[in-house]
Amino acid sequence: GNLVVIKHQDNLVSSYAHQKKILVKKGEKVKKGQVIGLVGKTGNVSKPQLYFSIKKGKKSLNPESLITKKLKIKNL
């Protein structure tokens, strides 16, 4: 599905896929809390879904260790 990759400081990269609409442009700087896209249904799925990952270099990280607030996901 549609993918957004965000480069952060300290060599961190976050990825967000399966979006029905991307709301940012390539090269755009995004701010904390900014909406970057709308969750969608891509592929052969029955419900909207989001793929999310965080990497440092090539190593995948557990996002729980980096996220300080609980995320709220709304069904649109």
Protein backbone atom coordinates (compact mmCIF):
# COMPACT_ATOMS: atom_id res chain seq x y z
CA GLY A 1 0.00 0.00 0.00
CA ASN A 2 0.93 3.66 0.08
CA LEU A 3 4.05 4.19 2.20
CA VAL A 4 5.46 7.17 4.11
CA VAL A 5 9.00 6.99 5.49
CA ILE A 6 10.12 9.63 7.99
CA LYS A 7 13.78 10.23 8.84
CA HIS A 8 14.32 11.31 12.45
CA GLN A 9 17.40 12.41 14.36
CA ASP A 10 19.80 9.78 15.76
CA ASN A 11 19.60 7.68 12.53
CA LEU A 12 15.99 6.60 13.26
CA VAL A 13 13.50 5.92 10.46
CA SER A 14 9.77 5.29 10.93
CA SER A 15 7.59 3.70 8.23
CA TYR A 16 3.81 3.83 7.79
CA ALA A 17 2.13 1.73 5.08
CA HIS A 18 -1.34 0.74 3.83
CA GLN A 19 -2.58 4.33 3.74
CA LYS A 20 -5.56 5.20 1.59
CA LYS A 21 -4.35 8.79 1.31
CA ILE A 22 -0.97 10.37 1.99
CA LEU A 23 -1.20 13.94 3.31
CA VAL A 24 2.48 14.93 3.12
CA LYS A 25 4.84 15.45 0.18
CA LYS A 26 8.26 13.94 -0.43
CA GLY A 27 10.92 16.05 1.31
CA GLU A 28 8.40 17.86 3.53
CA LYS A 29 9.43 18.40 7.15
CA VAL A 30 6.74 17.10 9.49
CA LYS A 31 6.00 18.14 13.05
CA LYS A 32 5.15 16.05 16.09
CA GLY A 33 1.43 15.29 16.04
CA GLN A 34 0.98 16.17 12.35
CA VAL A 35 -1.38 13.89 10.41
CA ILE A 36 0.66 12.27 7.63
CA GLY A 37 -1.98 10.02 6.09
CA LEU A 38 -5.28 8.17 6.43
CA VAL A 39 -5.40 4.48 7.26
CA GLY A 40 -6.71 2.35 4.42
CA LYS A 41 -7.51 -1.13 3.21
CA THR A 42 -4.87 -2.30 0.76
CA GLY A 43 -4.49 -5.82 -0.53
CA ASN A 44 -6.94 -8.57 0.39
CA VAL A 45 -8.07 -7.39 3.84
CA SER A 46 -11.51 -6.81 5.36
CA LYS A 47 -10.60 -3.97 7.76
CA PRO A 48 -8.40 -0.87 7.57
CA GLN A 49 -4.87 -1.58 8.72
CA LEU A 50 -1.59 0.22 9.34
CA TYR A 51 1.93 -1.15 9.03
CA PHE A 52 4.27 0.71 11.38
CA SER A 53 7.94 0.14 12.06
CA ILE A 54 10.93 1.95 13.53
CA LYS A 55 14.51 1.21 12.56
CA LYS A 56 17.89 2.49 13.62
CA GLY A 57 20.13 1.89 10.65
CA LYS A 58 19.15 -1.59 9.47
CA LYS A 59 18.03 -2.82 12.92
CA SER A 60 14.29 -2.95 13.74
CA LEU A 61 13.39 -1.54 17.15
CA ASN A 62 10.51 -2.22 19.51
CA PRO A 63 8.38 0.97 19.24
CA GLU A 64 7.14 0.59 22.84
CA SER A 65 10.58 1.64 24.06
CA LEU A 66 10.38 4.90 22.06
CA ILE A 67 6.74 5.98 22.34
CA THR A 68 5.89 7.87 25.51
CA LYS A 69 2.14 8.38 25.01
CA LYS A 70 -0.54 5.83 24.25
CA LEU A 71 -1.69 6.18 20.67
CA LYS A 72 -5.36 6.63 19.94
CA ILE A 73 -6.53 5.19 16.63
CA LYS A 74 -9.92 6.24 15.29
CA ASN A 75 -11.99 4.29 12.82
CA LEU A 76 -12.86 6.73 10.06
